[in-house]
PDB file of N, CA and C in Angstrom:
ATOM      1  N   MET A   1     -12.278  11.404 -88.224  1.00  0.00           N
ATOM      2  CA  MET A   1     -12.916  10.882 -89.146  1.00  0.00           C
ATOM      3  C   MET A   1     -13.974   9.832 -88.786  1.00  0.00           C
ATOM      4  N   PRO A   2     -15.418  10.266 -88.763  1.00  0.00           N
ATOM      5  CA  PRO A   2     -16.354   9.333 -88.297  1.00  0.00           C
ATOM      6  C   PRO A   2     -16.193   7.824 -88.808  1.00  0.00           C
ATOM      7  N   GLN A   3     -16.564   7.135 -87.999  1.00  0.00           N
ATOM      8  CA  GLN A   3     -16.226   5.656 -88.649  1.00  0.00           C
ATOM      9  C   GLN A   3     -17.650   4.688 -88.089  1.00  0.00           C
ATOM     10  N   ILE A   4     -18.373   4.047 -89.039  1.00  0.00           N
ATOM     11  CA  ILE A   4     -19.632   3.255 -89.031  1.00  0.00           C
ATOM     12  C   ILE A   4     -19.072   1.601 -89.223  1.00  0.00           C
ATOM     13  N   GLN A   5     -19.472   0.824 -88.145  1.00  0.00           N
ATOM     14  CA  GLN A   5     -19.249  -0.659 -88.119  1.00  0.00           C
ATOM     15  C   GLN A   5     -20.538  -1.249 -87.852  1.00  0.00           C
ATOM     16  N   ILE A   6     -20.941  -2.408 -88.611  1.00  0.00           N
ATOM     17  CA  ILE A   6     -22.021  -2.900 -88.706  1.00  0.00           C
ATOM     18  C   ILE A   6     -21.515  -4.675 -88.768  1.00  0.00           C
ATOM     19  N   ARG A   7     -22.222  -5.600 -87.863  1.00  0.00           N
ATOM     20  CA  ARG A   7     -22.069  -6.881 -88.195  1.00  0.00           C
ATOM     21  C   ARG A   7     -23.515  -7.315 -88.407  1.00  0.00           C
ATOM     22  N   LYS A   8     -23.576  -8.285 -89.134  1.00  0.00           N
ATOM     23  CA  LYS A   8     -24.811  -9.123 -89.311  1.00  0.00           C
ATOM     24  C   LYS A   8     -24.829 -10.589 -89.818  1.00  0.00           C
ATOM     25  N   LYS A   9     -25.528 -11.231 -88.970  1.00  0.00           N
ATOM     26  CA  LYS A   9     -25.618 -12.620 -89.267  1.00  0.00           C
ATOM     27  C   LYS A   9     -26.488 -12.962 -90.619  1.00  0.00           C
ATOM     28  N   HIS A  10     -25.913 -14.171 -91.083  1.00  0.00           N
ATOM     29  CA  HIS A  10     -26.711 -14.375 -92.505  1.00  0.00           C
ATOM     30  C   HIS A  10     -26.834 -15.941 -92.630  1.00  0.00           C
ATOM     31  N   ASP A  11     -27.751 -16.443 -93.274  1.00  0.00           N
ATOM     32  CA  ASP A  11     -28.120 -17.967 -93.280  1.00  0.00           C
ATOM     33  C   ASP A  11     -27.535 -18.423 -94.930  1.00  0.00           C
ATOM     34  N   LEU A  12     -26.919 -17.479 -95.758  1.00  0.00           N
ATOM     35  CA  LEU A  12     -26.559 -17.900 -96.882  1.00  0.00           C
ATOM     36  C   LEU A  12     -25.522 -18.880 -96.978  1.00  0.00           C
ATOM     37  N   ASP A  13     -25.205 -19.713 -98.167  1.00  0.00           N
ATOM     38  CA  ASP A  13     -24.262 -20.507 -98.129  1.00  0.00           C
ATOM     39  C   ASP A  13     -23.065 -19.309 -98.673  1.00  0.00           C
ATOM     40  N   HIS A  14     -21.833 -19.422 -98.771  1.00  0.00           N
ATOM     41  CA  HIS A  14     -20.654 -18.344 -98.829  1.00  0.00           C
ATOM     42  C   HIS A  14     -20.914 -17.659-100.369  1.00  0.00           C
ATOM     43  N   ASP A  15     -21.099 -18.660-101.225  1.00  0.00           N
ATOM     44  CA  ASP A  15     -21.010 -17.927-102.554  1.00  0.00           C
ATOM     45  C   ASP A  15     -22.236 -17.292-103.077  1.00  0.00           C
ATOM     46  N   ARG A  16     -23.439 -17.702-102.418  1.00  0.00           N
ATOM     47  CA  ARG A  16     -24.808 -16.780-102.371  1.00  0.00           C
ATOM     48  C   ARG A  16     -24.305 -15.510-101.814  1.00  0.00           C
ATOM     49  N   ALA A  17     -23.703 -15.623-100.420  1.00  0.00           N
ATOM     50  CA  ALA A  17     -23.429 -14.186 -99.697  1.00  0.00           C
ATOM     51  C   ALA A  17     -22.604 -13.304-100.629  1.00  0.00           C
ATOM     52  N   ARG A  18     -21.748 -13.672-101.112  1.00  0.00           N
ATOM     53  CA  ARG A  18     -20.734 -13.189-101.728  1.00  0.00           C
ATOM     54  C   ARG A  18     -21.266 -12.627-103.295  1.00  0.00           C
ATOM     55  N   ALA A  19     -22.235 -13.405-103.945  1.00  0.00           N
ATOM     56  CA  ALA A  19     -22.841 -12.903-104.879  1.00  0.00           C
ATOM     57  C   ALA A  19     -23.819 -11.490-104.777  1.00  0.00           C
ATOM     58  N   THR A  20     -24.319 -11.582-103.499  1.00  0.00           N
ATOM     59  CA  THR A  20     -25.252 -10.583-103.201  1.00  0.00           C
ATOM     60  C   THR A  20     -24.486  -9.537-102.696  1.00  0.00           C
ATOM     61  N   ALA A  21     -23.414  -9.537-102.148  1.00  0.00           N
ATOM     62  CA  ALA A  21     -22.378  -8.456-102.024  1.00  0.00           C
ATOM     63  C   ALA A  21     -21.942  -7.877-103.263  1.00  0.00           C
ATOM     64  N   GLU A  22     -21.569  -8.797-104.267  1.00  0.00           N
ATOM     65  CA  GLU A  22     -21.143  -8.113-105.323  1.00  0.00           C
ATOM     66  C   GLU A  22     -22.399  -7.201-106.189  1.00  0.00           C
ATOM     67  N   LYS A  23     -23.480  -7.902-106.212  1.00  0.00           N
ATOM     68  CA  LYS A  23     -24.668  -7.236-106.789  1.00  0.00           C
ATOM     69  C   LYS A  23     -25.016  -5.863-106.179  1.00  0.00           C
ATOM     70  N   LEU A  24     -25.058  -5.810-104.850  1.00  0.00           N
ATOM     71  CA  LEU A  24     -25.123  -4.611-104.124  1.00  0.00           C
ATOM     72  C   LEU A  24     -24.205  -3.605-104.476  1.00  0.00           C
ATOM     73  N   ALA A  25     -22.795  -3.957-104.369  1.00  0.00           N
ATOM     74  CA  ALA A  25     -21.432  -3.161-104.775  1.00  0.00           C
ATOM     75  C   ALA A  25     -21.571  -2.415-106.350  1.00  0.00           C
ATOM     76  N   ALA A  26     -21.790  -3.372-107.126  1.00  0.00           N
ATOM     77  CA  ALA A  26     -21.989  -3.102-108.370  1.00  0.00           C
ATOM     78  C   ALA A  26     -23.132  -2.104-108.649  1.00  0.00           C
ATOM     79  N   SER A  27     -24.068  -2.164-107.941  1.00  0.00           N
ATOM     80  CA  SER A  27     -25.328  -1.033-108.373  1.00  0.00           C
ATOM     81  C   SER A  27     -25.056   0.330-107.482  1.00  0.00           C
ATOM     82  N   LEU A  28     -24.530  -0.025-106.173  1.00  0.00           N
ATOM     83  CA  LEU A  28     -24.224   1.338-105.811  1.00  0.00           C
ATOM     84  C   LEU A  28     -22.855   2.034-106.387  1.00  0.00           C
ATOM     85  N   ALA A  29     -21.995   1.256-106.984  1.00  0.00           N
ATOM     86  CA  ALA A  29     -20.943   1.983-107.771  1.00  0.00           C
ATOM     87  C   ALA A  29     -21.426   2.733-109.056  1.00  0.00           C
ATOM     88  N   SER A  30     -22.202   2.379-109.585  1.00  0.00           N
ATOM     89  CA  SER A  30     -23.046   2.719-110.737  1.00  0.00           C
ATOM     90  C   SER A  30     -23.822   4.034-110.180  1.00  0.00           C
ATOM     91  N   GLU A  31     -24.358   4.003-109.195  1.00  0.00           N
ATOM     92  CA  GLU A  31     -25.249   5.179-108.766  1.00  0.00           C
ATOM     93  C   GLU A  31     -24.262   6.216-108.138  1.00  0.00           C
ATOM     94  N   TYR A  32     -23.303   5.770-107.429  1.00  0.00           N
ATOM     95  CA  TYR A  32     -22.743   6.879-106.925  1.00  0.00           C
ATOM     96  C   TYR A  32     -20.982   6.867-107.154  1.00  0.00           C
ATOM     97  N   HIS A  33     -20.671   6.275-108.367  1.00  0.00           N
ATOM     98  CA  HIS A  33     -19.552   6.563-108.984  1.00  0.00           C
ATOM     99  C   HIS A  33     -18.374   6.273-108.116  1.00  0.00           C
ATOM    100  N   ALA A  34     -18.800   4.980-107.473  1.00  0.00           N
ATOM    101  CA  ALA A  34     -17.592   4.488-106.459  1.00  0.00           C
ATOM    102  C   ALA A  34     -16.834   3.450-107.207  1.00  0.00           C
ATOM    103  N   ASP A  35     -15.416   3.092-106.793  1.00  0.00           N
ATOM    104  CA  ASP A  35     -14.530   2.071-107.222  1.00  0.00           C
ATOM    105  C   ASP A  35     -14.502   0.974-106.191  1.00  0.00           C
ATOM    106  N   TYR A  36     -14.565  -0.129-106.498  1.00  0.00           N
ATOM    107  CA  TYR A  36     -14.427  -1.166-105.452  1.00  0.00           C
ATOM    108  C   TYR A  36     -13.905  -2.614-106.271  1.00  0.00           C
ATOM    109  N   HIS A  37     -13.003  -3.216-105.102  1.00  0.00           N
ATOM    110  CA  HIS A  37     -12.663  -4.532-105.736  1.00  0.00           C
ATOM    111  C   HIS A  37     -12.612  -5.433-104.544  1.00  0.00           C
ATOM    112  N   TRP A  38     -12.490  -6.811-105.055  1.00  0.00           N
ATOM    113  CA  TRP A  38     -12.389  -8.041-104.148  1.00  0.00           C
ATOM    114  C   TRP A  38     -10.722  -8.256-103.605  1.00  0.00           C
ATOM    115  N   GLN A  39     -10.647  -8.581-102.461  1.00  0.00           N
ATOM    116  CA  GLN A  39      -9.332  -8.933-101.839  1.00  0.00           C
ATOM    117  C   GLN A  39      -9.787 -10.049-101.041  1.00  0.00           C
ATOM    118  N   ASP A  40      -9.588 -11.456-101.518  1.00  0.00           N
ATOM    119  CA  ASP A  40     -10.164 -12.621-100.906  1.00  0.00           C
ATOM    120  C   ASP A  40     -11.514 -12.434-100.568  1.00  0.00           C
ATOM    121  N   ASP A  41     -11.939 -12.372 -99.503  1.00  0.00           N
ATOM    122  CA  ASP A  41     -13.490 -12.427 -99.141  1.00  0.00           C
ATOM    123  C   ASP A  41     -13.768 -10.943 -98.607  1.00  0.00           C
ATOM    124  N   GLU A  42     -13.099  -9.904 -98.775  1.00  0.00           N
ATOM    125  CA  GLU A  42     -13.312  -8.606 -98.328  1.00  0.00           C
ATOM    126  C   GLU A  42     -13.456  -7.658 -99.671  1.00  0.00           C
ATOM    127  N   LEU A  43     -14.459  -7.132 -99.835  1.00  0.00           N
ATOM    128  CA  LEU A  43     -14.767  -6.177-100.630  1.00  0.00           C
ATOM    129  C   LEU A  43     -14.345  -4.690-100.270  1.00  0.00           C
ATOM    130  N   LYS A  44     -13.591  -4.131-100.954  1.00  0.00           N
ATOM    131  CA  LYS A  44     -13.053  -2.925-100.437  1.00  0.00           C
ATOM    132  C   LYS A  44     -13.723  -1.771-101.265  1.00  0.00           C
ATOM    133  N   PHE A  45     -14.283  -0.717-101.004  1.00  0.00           N
ATOM    134  CA  PHE A  45     -14.847   0.289-101.658  1.00  0.00           C
ATOM    135  C   PHE A  45     -14.246   1.860-101.288  1.00  0.00           C
ATOM    136  N   ARG A  46     -14.484   2.659-102.444  1.00  0.00           N
ATOM    137  CA  ARG A  46     -14.034   4.146-101.941  1.00  0.00           C
ATOM    138  C   ARG A  46     -14.814   4.854-103.103  1.00  0.00           C
ATOM    139  N   SER A  47     -15.378   5.992-102.516  1.00  0.00           N
ATOM    140  CA  SER A  47     -16.215   6.814-103.238  1.00  0.00           C
ATOM    141  C   SER A  47     -15.935   8.386-102.883  1.00  0.00           C
ATOM    142  N   PRO A  48     -16.131   9.558-103.402  1.00  0.00           N
ATOM    143  CA  PRO A  48     -15.986  10.848-102.710  1.00  0.00           C
ATOM    144  C   PRO A  48     -16.536  10.830-101.248  1.00  0.00           C
ATOM    145  N   GLY A  49     -15.795  10.943-100.568  1.00  0.00           N
ATOM    146  CA  GLY A  49     -16.310  11.319 -99.075  1.00  0.00           C
ATOM    147  C   GLY A  49     -16.552  10.065 -98.076  1.00  0.00           C
ATOM    148  N   ILE A  50     -16.229   8.677 -98.848  1.00  0.00           N
ATOM    149  CA  ILE A  50     -16.753   7.416 -98.022  1.00  0.00           C
ATOM    150  C   ILE A  50     -15.574   6.426 -98.532  1.00  0.00           C
ATOM    151  N   GLU A  51     -15.263   5.631 -97.606  1.00  0.00           N
ATOM    152  CA  GLU A  51     -14.284   4.329 -98.300  1.00  0.00           C
ATOM    153  C   GLU A  51     -14.544   3.425 -96.999  1.00  0.00           C
ATOM    154  N   GLY A  52     -14.354   2.143 -97.063  1.00  0.00           N
ATOM    155  CA  GLY A  52     -14.451   1.202 -96.421  1.00  0.00           C
ATOM    156  C   GLY A  52     -14.278  -0.303 -97.150  1.00  0.00           C
ATOM    157  N   GLN A  53     -14.631  -1.273 -96.072  1.00  0.00           N
ATOM    158  CA  GLN A  53     -14.704  -2.583 -96.491  1.00  0.00           C
ATOM    159  C   GLN A  53     -16.069  -3.573 -95.944  1.00  0.00           C
ATOM    160  N   LEU A  54     -16.329  -4.266 -97.026  1.00  0.00           N
ATOM    161  CA  LEU A  54     -17.549  -5.338 -96.338  1.00  0.00           C
ATOM    162  C   LEU A  54     -16.713  -6.968 -96.757  1.00  0.00           C
ATOM    163  N   TYR A  55     -16.708  -7.598 -95.063  1.00  0.00           N
ATOM    164  CA  TYR A  55     -16.198  -8.849 -95.204  1.00  0.00           C
ATOM    165  C   TYR A  55     -17.217  -9.797 -94.997  1.00  0.00           C
ATOM    166  N   VAL A  56     -17.317 -10.993 -96.048  1.00  0.00           N
ATOM    167  CA  VAL A  56     -18.211 -11.872 -96.187  1.00  0.00           C
ATOM    168  C   VAL A  56     -17.801 -13.151 -95.477  1.00  0.00           C
ATOM    169  N   GLY A  57     -18.140 -13.385 -94.402  1.00  0.00           N
ATOM    170  CA  GLY A  57     -17.789 -14.604 -93.688  1.00  0.00           C
ATOM    171  C   GLY A  57     -18.686 -15.766 -93.681  1.00  0.00           C
ATOM    172  N   LYS A  58     -18.612 -16.754 -92.936  1.00  0.00           N
ATOM    173  CA  LYS A  58     -19.221 -18.046 -93.186  1.00  0.00           C
ATOM    174  C   LYS A  58     -20.765 -17.965 -92.864  1.00  0.00           C
ATOM    175  N   ASP A  59     -21.388 -17.063 -91.733  1.00  0.00           N
ATOM    176  CA  ASP A  59     -22.387 -17.076 -91.284  1.00  0.00           C
ATOM    177  C   ASP A  59     -22.560 -15.620 -90.757  1.00  0.00           C
ATOM    178  N   GLU A  60     -21.809 -14.505 -91.348  1.00  0.00           N
ATOM    179  CA  GLU A  60     -21.576 -13.105 -90.918  1.00  0.00           C
ATOM    180  C   GLU A  60     -21.134 -12.109 -91.794  1.00  0.00           C
ATOM    181  N   VAL A  61     -21.612 -10.940 -92.107  1.00  0.00           N
ATOM    182  CA  VAL A  61     -21.007 -10.070 -92.798  1.00  0.00           C
ATOM    183  C   VAL A  61     -20.590  -8.679 -91.932  1.00  0.00           C
ATOM    184  N   GLU A  62     -19.490  -8.202 -92.181  1.00  0.00           N
ATOM    185  CA  GLU A  62     -19.124  -7.099 -91.418  1.00  0.00           C
ATOM    186  C   GLU A  62     -18.755  -6.021 -92.252  1.00  0.00           C
ATOM    187  N   ILE A  63     -19.398  -4.636 -91.868  1.00  0.00           N
ATOM    188  CA  ILE A  63     -18.862  -3.753 -92.849  1.00  0.00           C
ATOM    189  C   ILE A  63     -18.699  -2.642 -91.912  1.00  0.00           C
ATOM    190  N   ASN A  64     -17.316  -1.928 -92.441  1.00  0.00           N
ATOM    191  CA  ASN A  64     -16.463  -0.862 -91.840  1.00  0.00           C
ATOM    192  C   ASN A  64     -16.690  -0.004 -92.985  1.00  0.00           C
ATOM    193  N   VAL A  65     -16.990   1.419 -92.375  1.00  0.00           N
ATOM    194  CA  VAL A  65     -17.332   2.585 -93.202  1.00  0.00           C
ATOM    195  C   VAL A  65     -16.436   3.906 -92.667  1.00  0.00           C
ATOM    196  N   ARG A  66     -15.616   4.597 -93.087  1.00  0.00           N
ATOM    197  CA  ARG A  66     -14.860   5.860 -92.904  1.00  0.00           C
ATOM    198  C   ARG A  66     -15.826   6.875 -93.788  1.00  0.00           C
ATOM    199  N   LEU A  67     -16.165   7.773 -92.852  1.00  0.00           N
ATOM    200  CA  LEU A  67     -16.815   8.828 -93.871  1.00  0.00           C
ATOM    201  C   LEU A  67     -15.937  10.308 -93.868  1.00  0.00           C
TER     202      LEU A  67
END
């Protein structure tokens, strides 16, 4: 199963970084019929053909996607 991993630094405070991730997830969930939920600071998502996690850290986000 192919996998994608991306790490990106950010300069947002934690609440704003998490709110940004939530807004993106809600938009993508609506468009692609995906399910997602938060487990602490990790947003887990699943849609037909893709699943993964987005971790929101203090100064970095990391996304892991399995196709």
